[in-house]
Amino acid sequence: MGRSKHPLELKLHILQLFEEDNYSINELSERFSLNHQTLYRWKMKFEASGPDGLHEATSCKFYSKELKLAAVKDYFQRNYSQMVLL
């Protein structure tokens, strides 16, 4: 997955418009030429971690085989979405 070309300030501005001005995700995705899934992902990261969740990682994360297997089991046995497991 590529790195975001969108600065933190823009992400926060778009999320603020969504929360305060009652714009829909579809309206904002059209207005800013973004995929609506990108906006949902930003929203979930912000809700989970605040502004710090919107910073881009500077390095790749490595996960153990055990953690990966546990995530796959949770995905199938508990009907979690991929976004919840990330």
PDB file of N, CA and C in Angstrom:
ATOM      1  N   MET A   1       0.847  -1.173   0.000  1.00  0.00           N
ATOM      2  CA  MET A   1       0.000   0.000   0.000  1.00  0.00           C
ATOM      3  C   MET A   1       0.891   1.233   0.000  1.00  0.00           C
ATOM      4  N   GLY A   2       0.585   2.217  -0.829  1.00  0.00           N
ATOM      5  CA  GLY A   2       1.377   3.424  -0.926  1.00  0.00           C
ATOM      6  C   GLY A   2       1.144   4.372   0.242  1.00  0.00           C
ATOM      7  N   ARG A   3       2.042   5.281   0.385  1.00  0.00           N
ATOM      8  CA  ARG A   3       1.926   6.296   1.428  1.00  0.00           C
ATOM      9  C   ARG A   3       0.966   7.394   0.980  1.00  0.00           C
ATOM     10  N   SER A   4       0.308   7.994   1.939  1.00  0.00           N
ATOM     11  CA  SER A   4      -0.661   9.038   1.640  1.00  0.00           C
ATOM     12  C   SER A   4       0.047  10.301   1.179  1.00  0.00           C
ATOM     13  N   LYS A   5      -0.553  10.957   0.222  1.00  0.00           N
ATOM     14  CA  LYS A   5      -0.020  12.232  -0.240  1.00  0.00           C
ATOM     15  C   LYS A   5      -0.773  13.390   0.395  1.00  0.00           C
ATOM     16  N   HIS A   6      -1.624  13.081   1.351  1.00  0.00           N
ATOM     17  CA  HIS A   6      -2.467  14.093   1.969  1.00  0.00           C
ATOM     18  C   HIS A   6      -1.909  14.491   3.333  1.00  0.00           C
ATOM     19  N   PRO A   7      -1.663  15.782   3.525  1.00  0.00           N
ATOM     20  CA  PRO A   7      -1.122  16.226   4.812  1.00  0.00           C
ATOM     21  C   PRO A   7      -2.151  16.058   5.938  1.00  0.00           C
ATOM     22  N   LEU A   8      -1.632  15.965   7.141  1.00  0.00           N
ATOM     23  CA  LEU A   8      -2.474  15.795   8.322  1.00  0.00           C
ATOM     24  C   LEU A   8      -3.526  16.893   8.418  1.00  0.00           C
ATOM     25  N   GLU A   9      -3.141  18.126   8.125  1.00  0.00           N
ATOM     26  CA  GLU A   9      -4.065  19.259   8.232  1.00  0.00           C
ATOM     27  C   GLU A   9      -5.276  19.078   7.318  1.00  0.00           C
ATOM     28  N   LEU A  10      -5.046  18.551   6.120  1.00  0.00           N
ATOM     29  CA  LEU A  10      -6.152  18.322   5.189  1.00  0.00           C
ATOM     30  C   LEU A  10      -7.075  17.230   5.726  1.00  0.00           C
ATOM     31  N   LYS A  11      -6.490  16.161   6.232  1.00  0.00           N
ATOM     32  CA  LYS A  11      -7.301  15.074   6.788  1.00  0.00           C
ATOM     33  C   LYS A  11      -8.182  15.592   7.920  1.00  0.00           C
ATOM     34  N   LEU A  12      -7.585  16.379   8.817  1.00  0.00           N
ATOM     35  CA  LEU A  12      -8.357  16.925   9.943  1.00  0.00           C
ATOM     36  C   LEU A  12      -9.450  17.877   9.455  1.00  0.00           C
ATOM     37  N   HIS A  13      -9.138  18.689   8.453  1.00  0.00           N
ATOM     38  CA  HIS A  13     -10.129  19.618   7.890  1.00  0.00           C
ATOM     39  C   HIS A  13     -11.320  18.863   7.307  1.00  0.00           C
ATOM     40  N   ILE A  14     -11.038  17.813   6.545  1.00  0.00           N
ATOM     41  CA  ILE A  14     -12.111  17.035   5.922  1.00  0.00           C
ATOM     42  C   ILE A  14     -12.964  16.346   6.988  1.00  0.00           C
ATOM     43  N   LEU A  15     -12.320  15.775   8.002  1.00  0.00           N
ATOM     44  CA  LEU A  15     -13.080  15.123   9.073  1.00  0.00           C
ATOM     45  C   LEU A  15     -13.909  16.134   9.859  1.00  0.00           C
ATOM     46  N   GLN A  16     -13.377  17.340  10.028  1.00  0.00           N
ATOM     47  CA  GLN A  16     -14.130  18.393  10.709  1.00  0.00           C
ATOM     48  C   GLN A  16     -15.361  18.784   9.892  1.00  0.00           C
ATOM     49  N   LEU A  17     -15.199  18.898   8.580  1.00  0.00           N
ATOM     50  CA  LEU A  17     -16.346  19.203   7.725  1.00  0.00           C
ATOM     51  C   LEU A  17     -17.414  18.121   7.843  1.00  0.00           C
ATOM     52  N   PHE A  18     -16.971  16.893   7.897  1.00  0.00           N
ATOM     53  CA  PHE A  18     -17.913  15.777   8.022  1.00  0.00           C
ATOM     54  C   PHE A  18     -18.674  15.859   9.344  1.00  0.00           C
ATOM     55  N   GLU A  19     -17.973  16.131  10.427  1.00  0.00           N
ATOM     56  CA  GLU A  19     -18.602  16.144  11.754  1.00  0.00           C
ATOM     57  C   GLU A  19     -19.452  17.391  11.997  1.00  0.00           C
ATOM     58  N   GLU A  20     -18.945  18.557  11.639  1.00  0.00           N
ATOM     59  CA  GLU A  20     -19.596  19.807  12.030  1.00  0.00           C
ATOM     60  C   GLU A  20     -20.572  20.362  10.995  1.00  0.00           C
ATOM     61  N   ASP A  21     -20.271  20.181   9.730  1.00  0.00           N
ATOM     62  CA  ASP A  21     -21.088  20.818   8.697  1.00  0.00           C
ATOM     63  C   ASP A  21     -22.059  19.864   8.022  1.00  0.00           C
ATOM     64  N   ASN A  22     -22.143  18.655   8.541  1.00  0.00           N
ATOM     65  CA  ASN A  22     -23.094  17.676   8.039  1.00  0.00           C
ATOM     66  C   ASN A  22     -22.937  17.350   6.555  1.00  0.00           C
ATOM     67  N   TYR A  23     -21.698  17.315   6.073  1.00  0.00           N
ATOM     68  CA  TYR A  23     -21.443  16.827   4.734  1.00  0.00           C
ATOM     69  C   TYR A  23     -21.423  15.303   4.785  1.00  0.00           C
ATOM     70  N   SER A  24     -21.873  14.673   3.735  1.00  0.00           N
ATOM     71  CA  SER A  24     -21.804  13.219   3.677  1.00  0.00           C
ATOM     72  C   SER A  24     -20.418  12.799   3.193  1.00  0.00           C
ATOM     73  N   ILE A  25     -20.086  11.553   3.440  1.00  0.00           N
ATOM     74  CA  ILE A  25     -18.815  11.011   2.951  1.00  0.00           C
ATOM     75  C   ILE A  25     -18.758  11.120   1.424  1.00  0.00           C
ATOM     76  N   ASN A  26     -19.866  10.832   0.761  1.00  0.00           N
ATOM     77  CA  ASN A  26     -19.894  10.914  -0.704  1.00  0.00           C
ATOM     78  C   ASN A  26     -19.662  12.340  -1.200  1.00  0.00           C
ATOM     79  N   GLU A  27     -20.271  13.309  -0.536  1.00  0.00           N
ATOM     80  CA  GLU A  27     -20.071  14.709  -0.930  1.00  0.00           C
ATOM     81  C   GLU A  27     -18.612  15.122  -0.761  1.00  0.00           C
ATOM     82  N   LEU A  28     -18.015  14.716   0.357  1.00  0.00           N
ATOM     83  CA  LEU A  28     -16.621  15.080   0.611  1.00  0.00           C
ATOM     84  C   LEU A  28     -15.667  14.347  -0.316  1.00  0.00           C
ATOM     85  N   SER A  29     -15.974  13.096  -0.611  1.00  0.00           N
ATOM     86  CA  SER A  29     -15.086  12.356  -1.509  1.00  0.00           C
ATOM     87  C   SER A  29     -15.105  12.975  -2.897  1.00  0.00           C
ATOM     88  N   GLU A  30     -16.253  13.439  -3.353  1.00  0.00           N
ATOM     89  CA  GLU A  30     -16.331  14.119  -4.650  1.00  0.00           C
ATOM     90  C   GLU A  30     -15.632  15.472  -4.602  1.00  0.00           C
ATOM     91  N   ARG A  31     -15.880  16.221  -3.547  1.00  0.00           N
ATOM     92  CA  ARG A  31     -15.321  17.570  -3.415  1.00  0.00           C
ATOM     93  C   ARG A  31     -13.792  17.554  -3.383  1.00  0.00           C
ATOM     94  N   PHE A  32     -13.205  16.553  -2.702  1.00  0.00           N
ATOM     95  CA  PHE A  32     -11.756  16.499  -2.549  1.00  0.00           C
ATOM     96  C   PHE A  32     -11.107  15.419  -3.420  1.00  0.00           C
ATOM     97  N   SER A  33     -11.876  14.827  -4.316  1.00  0.00           N
ATOM     98  CA  SER A  33     -11.381  13.784  -5.232  1.00  0.00           C
ATOM     99  C   SER A  33     -10.691  12.650  -4.484  1.00  0.00           C
ATOM    100  N   LEU A  34     -11.406  12.125  -3.487  1.00  0.00           N
ATOM    101  CA  LEU A  34     -10.901  11.020  -2.679  1.00  0.00           C
ATOM    102  C   LEU A  34     -11.855   9.846  -2.768  1.00  0.00           C
ATOM    103  N   ASN A  35     -11.326   8.669  -2.603  1.00  0.00           N
ATOM    104  CA  ASN A  35     -12.145   7.470  -2.528  1.00  0.00           C
ATOM    105  C   ASN A  35     -12.897   7.502  -1.200  1.00  0.00           C
ATOM    106  N   HIS A  36     -14.166   7.156  -1.201  1.00  0.00           N
ATOM    107  CA  HIS A  36     -14.942   7.202   0.037  1.00  0.00           C
ATOM    108  C   HIS A  36     -14.391   6.249   1.089  1.00  0.00           C
ATOM    109  N   GLN A  37     -13.764   5.152   0.665  1.00  0.00           N
ATOM    110  CA  GLN A  37     -13.177   4.225   1.629  1.00  0.00           C
ATOM    111  C   GLN A  37     -11.982   4.857   2.349  1.00  0.00           C
ATOM    112  N   THR A  38     -11.275   5.725   1.658  1.00  0.00           N
ATOM    113  CA  THR A  38     -10.174   6.450   2.291  1.00  0.00           C
ATOM    114  C   THR A  38     -10.711   7.309   3.423  1.00  0.00           C
ATOM    115  N   LEU A  39     -11.821   7.996   3.183  1.00  0.00           N
ATOM    116  CA  LEU A  39     -12.410   8.841   4.223  1.00  0.00           C
ATOM    117  C   LEU A  39     -12.905   8.015   5.403  1.00  0.00           C
ATOM    118  N   TYR A  40     -13.516   6.872   5.134  1.00  0.00           N
ATOM    119  CA  TYR A  40     -13.950   5.995   6.218  1.00  0.00           C
ATOM    120  C   TYR A  40     -12.752   5.518   7.036  1.00  0.00           C
ATOM    121  N   ARG A  41     -11.655   5.195   6.352  1.00  0.00           N
ATOM    122  CA  ARG A  41     -10.453   4.725   7.038  1.00  0.00           C
ATOM    123  C   ARG A  41      -9.885   5.829   7.927  1.00  0.00           C
ATOM    124  N   TRP A  42      -9.824   7.063   7.416  1.00  0.00           N
ATOM    125  CA  TRP A  42      -9.353   8.189   8.215  1.00  0.00           C
ATOM    126  C   TRP A  42     -10.250   8.385   9.431  1.00  0.00           C
ATOM    127  N   LYS A  43     -11.555   8.283   9.218  1.00  0.00           N
ATOM    128  CA  LYS A  43     -12.509   8.478  10.312  1.00  0.00           C
ATOM    129  C   LYS A  43     -12.307   7.420  11.403  1.00  0.00           C
ATOM    130  N   MET A  44     -12.142   6.179  11.008  1.00  0.00           N
ATOM    131  CA  MET A  44     -11.932   5.106  11.983  1.00  0.00           C
ATOM    132  C   MET A  44     -10.618   5.294  12.738  1.00  0.00           C
ATOM    133  N   LYS A  45      -9.563   5.676  12.027  1.00  0.00           N
ATOM    134  CA  LYS A  45      -8.272   5.903  12.681  1.00  0.00           C
ATOM    135  C   LYS A  45      -8.357   7.069  13.652  1.00  0.00           C
ATOM    136  N   PHE A  46      -9.062   8.128  13.246  1.00  0.00           N
ATOM    137  CA  PHE A  46      -9.203   9.295  14.123  1.00  0.00           C
ATOM    138  C   PHE A  46     -10.013   8.945  15.366  1.00  0.00           C
ATOM    139  N   GLU A  47     -11.090   8.205  15.195  1.00  0.00           N
ATOM    140  CA  GLU A  47     -11.917   7.810  16.340  1.00  0.00           C
ATOM    141  C   GLU A  47     -11.151   6.909  17.308  1.00  0.00           C
ATOM    142  N   ALA A  48     -10.274   6.083  16.779  1.00  0.00           N
ATOM    143  CA  ALA A  48      -9.516   5.159  17.620  1.00  0.00           C
ATOM    144  C   ALA A  48      -8.341   5.838  18.327  1.00  0.00           C
ATOM    145  N   SER A  49      -7.661   6.765  17.637  1.00  0.00           N
ATOM    146  CA  SER A  49      -6.408   7.299  18.182  1.00  0.00           C
ATOM    147  C   SER A  49      -6.286   8.810  18.140  1.00  0.00           C
ATOM    148  N   GLY A  50      -7.326   9.504  17.720  1.00  0.00           N
ATOM    149  CA  GLY A  50      -7.225  10.947  17.608  1.00  0.00           C
ATOM    150  C   GLY A  50      -6.326  11.352  16.456  1.00  0.00           C
ATOM    151  N   PRO A  51      -5.815  12.579  16.475  1.00  0.00           N
ATOM    152  CA  PRO A  51      -4.957  13.050  15.376  1.00  0.00           C
ATOM    153  C   PRO A  51      -3.714  12.184  15.163  1.00  0.00           C
ATOM    154  N   ASP A  52      -3.197  11.587  16.224  1.00  0.00           N
ATOM    155  CA  ASP A  52      -2.014  10.738  16.079  1.00  0.00           C
ATOM    156  C   ASP A  52      -2.286   9.543  15.172  1.00  0.00           C
ATOM    157  N   GLY A  53      -3.520   9.091  15.115  1.00  0.00           N
ATOM    158  CA  GLY A  53      -3.863   7.960  14.267  1.00  0.00           C
ATOM    159  C   GLY A  53      -3.820   8.277  12.784  1.00  0.00           C
ATOM    160  N   LEU A  54      -3.787   9.561  12.447  1.00  0.00           N
ATOM    161  CA  LEU A  54      -3.778   9.974  11.042  1.00  0.00           C
ATOM    162  C   LEU A  54      -2.372  10.181  10.488  1.00  0.00           C
ATOM    163  N   HIS A  55      -1.353  10.116  11.355  1.00  0.00           N
ATOM    164  CA  HIS A  55       0.030  10.237  10.877  1.00  0.00           C
ATOM    165  C   HIS A  55       0.399   8.995  10.095  1.00  0.00           C
ATOM    166  N   GLU A  56       1.166   9.187   9.061  1.00  0.00           N
ATOM    167  CA  GLU A  56       1.612   8.059   8.245  1.00  0.00           C
ATOM    168  C   GLU A  56       2.791   7.378   8.918  1.00  0.00           C
ATOM    169  N   ALA A  57       2.806   6.063   8.828  1.00  0.00           N
ATOM    170  CA  ALA A  57       3.919   5.291   9.371  1.00  0.00           C
ATOM    171  C   ALA A  57       5.176   5.583   8.553  1.00  0.00           C
ATOM    172  N   THR A  58       6.306   5.626   9.229  1.00  0.00           N
ATOM    173  CA  THR A  58       7.561   5.888   8.530  1.00  0.00           C
ATOM    174  C   THR A  58       8.290   4.601   8.176  1.00  0.00           C
ATOM    175  N   SER A  59       7.801   3.488   8.704  1.00  0.00           N
ATOM    176  CA  SER A  59       8.426   2.205   8.376  1.00  0.00           C
ATOM    177  C   SER A  59       7.347   1.131   8.302  1.00  0.00           C
ATOM    178  N   CYS A  60       7.704   0.017   7.717  1.00  0.00           N
ATOM    179  CA  CYS A  60       6.767  -1.102   7.614  1.00  0.00           C
ATOM    180  C   CYS A  60       6.656  -1.812   8.960  1.00  0.00           C
ATOM    181  N   LYS A  61       5.482  -2.319   9.242  1.00  0.00           N
ATOM    182  CA  LYS A  61       5.274  -3.095  10.462  1.00  0.00           C
ATOM    183  C   LYS A  61       5.440  -4.567  10.131  1.00  0.00           C
ATOM    184  N   PHE A  62       6.072  -5.285  11.024  1.00  0.00           N
ATOM    185  CA  PHE A  62       6.236  -6.718  10.860  1.00  0.00           C
ATOM    186  C   PHE A  62       5.480  -7.420  11.971  1.00  0.00           C
ATOM    187  N   TYR A  63       4.707  -8.429  11.606  1.00  0.00           N
ATOM    188  CA  TYR A  63       3.882  -9.154  12.558  1.00  0.00           C
ATOM    189  C   TYR A  63       4.323 -10.613  12.609  1.00  0.00           C
ATOM    190  N   SER A  64       4.243 -11.189  13.790  1.00  0.00           N
ATOM    191  CA  SER A  64       4.621 -12.590  13.954  1.00  0.00           C
ATOM    192  C   SER A  64       3.596 -13.496  13.276  1.00  0.00           C
ATOM    193  N   LYS A  65       4.025 -14.701  12.987  1.00  0.00           N
ATOM    194  CA  LYS A  65       3.132 -15.690  12.385  1.00  0.00           C
ATOM    195  C   LYS A  65       1.940 -15.954  13.297  1.00  0.00           C
ATOM    196  N   GLU A  66       2.181 -16.012  14.598  1.00  0.00           N
ATOM    197  CA  GLU A  66       1.118 -16.273  15.572  1.00  0.00           C
ATOM    198  C   GLU A  66       0.053 -15.174  15.557  1.00  0.00           C
ATOM    199  N   LEU A  67       0.496 -13.923  15.487  1.00  0.00           N
ATOM    200  CA  LEU A  67      -0.455 -12.808  15.465  1.00  0.00           C
ATOM    201  C   LEU A  67      -1.282 -12.821  14.184  1.00  0.00           C
ATOM    202  N   LYS A  68      -0.651 -13.139  13.066  1.00  0.00           N
ATOM    203  CA  LYS A  68      -1.370 -13.217  11.794  1.00  0.00           C
ATOM    204  C   LYS A  68      -2.426 -14.322  11.831  1.00  0.00           C
ATOM    205  N   LEU A  69      -2.052 -15.486  12.365  1.00  0.00           N
ATOM    206  CA  LEU A  69      -3.008 -16.588  12.470  1.00  0.00           C
ATOM    207  C   LEU A  69      -4.173 -16.234  13.388  1.00  0.00           C
ATOM    208  N   ALA A  70      -3.885 -15.553  14.482  1.00  0.00           N
ATOM    209  CA  ALA A  70      -4.949 -15.135  15.397  1.00  0.00           C
ATOM    210  C   ALA A  70      -5.908 -14.163  14.705  1.00  0.00           C
ATOM    211  N   ALA A  71      -5.383 -13.271  13.890  1.00  0.00           N
ATOM    212  CA  ALA A  71      -6.231 -12.322  13.162  1.00  0.00           C
ATOM    213  C   ALA A  71      -7.127 -13.044  12.167  1.00  0.00           C
ATOM    214  N   VAL A  72      -6.579 -14.034  11.472  1.00  0.00           N
ATOM    215  CA  VAL A  72      -7.376 -14.802  10.511  1.00  0.00           C
ATOM    216  C   VAL A  72      -8.479 -15.572  11.232  1.00  0.00           C
ATOM    217  N   LYS A  73      -8.152 -16.169  12.369  1.00  0.00           N
ATOM    218  CA  LYS A  73      -9.166 -16.894  13.142  1.00  0.00           C
ATOM    219  C   LYS A  73     -10.268 -15.955  13.612  1.00  0.00           C
ATOM    220  N   ASP A  74      -9.891 -14.780  14.112  1.00  0.00           N
ATOM    221  CA  ASP A  74     -10.893 -13.802  14.541  1.00  0.00           C
ATOM    222  C   ASP A  74     -11.775 -13.380  13.375  1.00  0.00           C
ATOM    223  N   TYR A  75     -11.171 -13.194  12.219  1.00  0.00           N
ATOM    224  CA  TYR A  75     -11.915 -12.778  11.035  1.00  0.00           C
ATOM    225  C   TYR A  75     -13.004 -13.790  10.695  1.00  0.00           C
ATOM    226  N   PHE A  76     -12.654 -15.072  10.721  1.00  0.00           N
ATOM    227  CA  PHE A  76     -13.618 -16.103  10.334  1.00  0.00           C
ATOM    228  C   PHE A  76     -14.562 -16.502  11.461  1.00  0.00           C
ATOM    229  N   GLN A  77     -14.067 -16.633  12.668  1.00  0.00           N
ATOM    230  CA  GLN A  77     -14.893 -17.138  13.761  1.00  0.00           C
ATOM    231  C   GLN A  77     -15.798 -16.075  14.372  1.00  0.00           C
ATOM    232  N   ARG A  78     -15.380 -14.840  14.359  1.00  0.00           N
ATOM    233  CA  ARG A  78     -16.157 -13.782  15.012  1.00  0.00           C
ATOM    234  C   ARG A  78     -16.776 -12.808  14.023  1.00  0.00           C
ATOM    235  N   ASN A  79     -16.614 -13.085  12.743  1.00  0.00           N
ATOM    236  CA  ASN A  79     -17.184 -12.241  11.690  1.00  0.00           C
ATOM    237  C   ASN A  79     -16.739 -10.786  11.786  1.00  0.00           C
ATOM    238  N   TYR A  80     -15.483 -10.579  12.170  1.00  0.00           N
ATOM    239  CA  TYR A  80     -14.931  -9.223  12.188  1.00  0.00           C
ATOM    240  C   TYR A  80     -14.655  -8.778  10.762  1.00  0.00           C
ATOM    241  N   SER A  81     -14.686  -7.478  10.545  1.00  0.00           N
ATOM    242  CA  SER A  81     -14.299  -6.942   9.243  1.00  0.00           C
ATOM    243  C   SER A  81     -12.782  -6.784   9.205  1.00  0.00           C
ATOM    244  N   GLN A  82     -12.248  -6.632   8.016  1.00  0.00           N
ATOM    245  CA  GLN A  82     -10.814  -6.416   7.890  1.00  0.00           C
ATOM    246  C   GLN A  82     -10.388  -5.127   8.561  1.00  0.00           C
ATOM    247  N   MET A  83     -11.226  -4.097   8.507  1.00  0.00           N
ATOM    248  CA  MET A  83     -10.881  -2.814   9.117  1.00  0.00           C
ATOM    249  C   MET A  83     -10.742  -2.940  10.625  1.00  0.00           C
ATOM    250  N   VAL A  84     -11.559  -3.757  11.263  1.00  0.00           N
ATOM    251  CA  VAL A  84     -11.480  -3.950  12.714  1.00  0.00           C
ATOM    252  C   VAL A  84     -10.171  -4.636  13.075  1.00  0.00           C
ATOM    253  N   LEU A  85      -9.738  -5.559  12.238  1.00  0.00           N
ATOM    254  CA  LEU A  85      -8.527  -6.313  12.523  1.00  0.00           C
ATOM    255  C   LEU A  85      -7.258  -5.512  12.275  1.00  0.00           C
ATOM    256  N   LEU A  86      -7.337  -4.449  11.482  1.00  0.00           N
ATOM    257  CA  LEU A  86      -6.148  -3.638  11.209  1.00  0.00           C
ATOM    258  C   LEU A  86      -5.846  -2.876  12.423  1.00  0.00           C
TER     259      LEU A  86
END
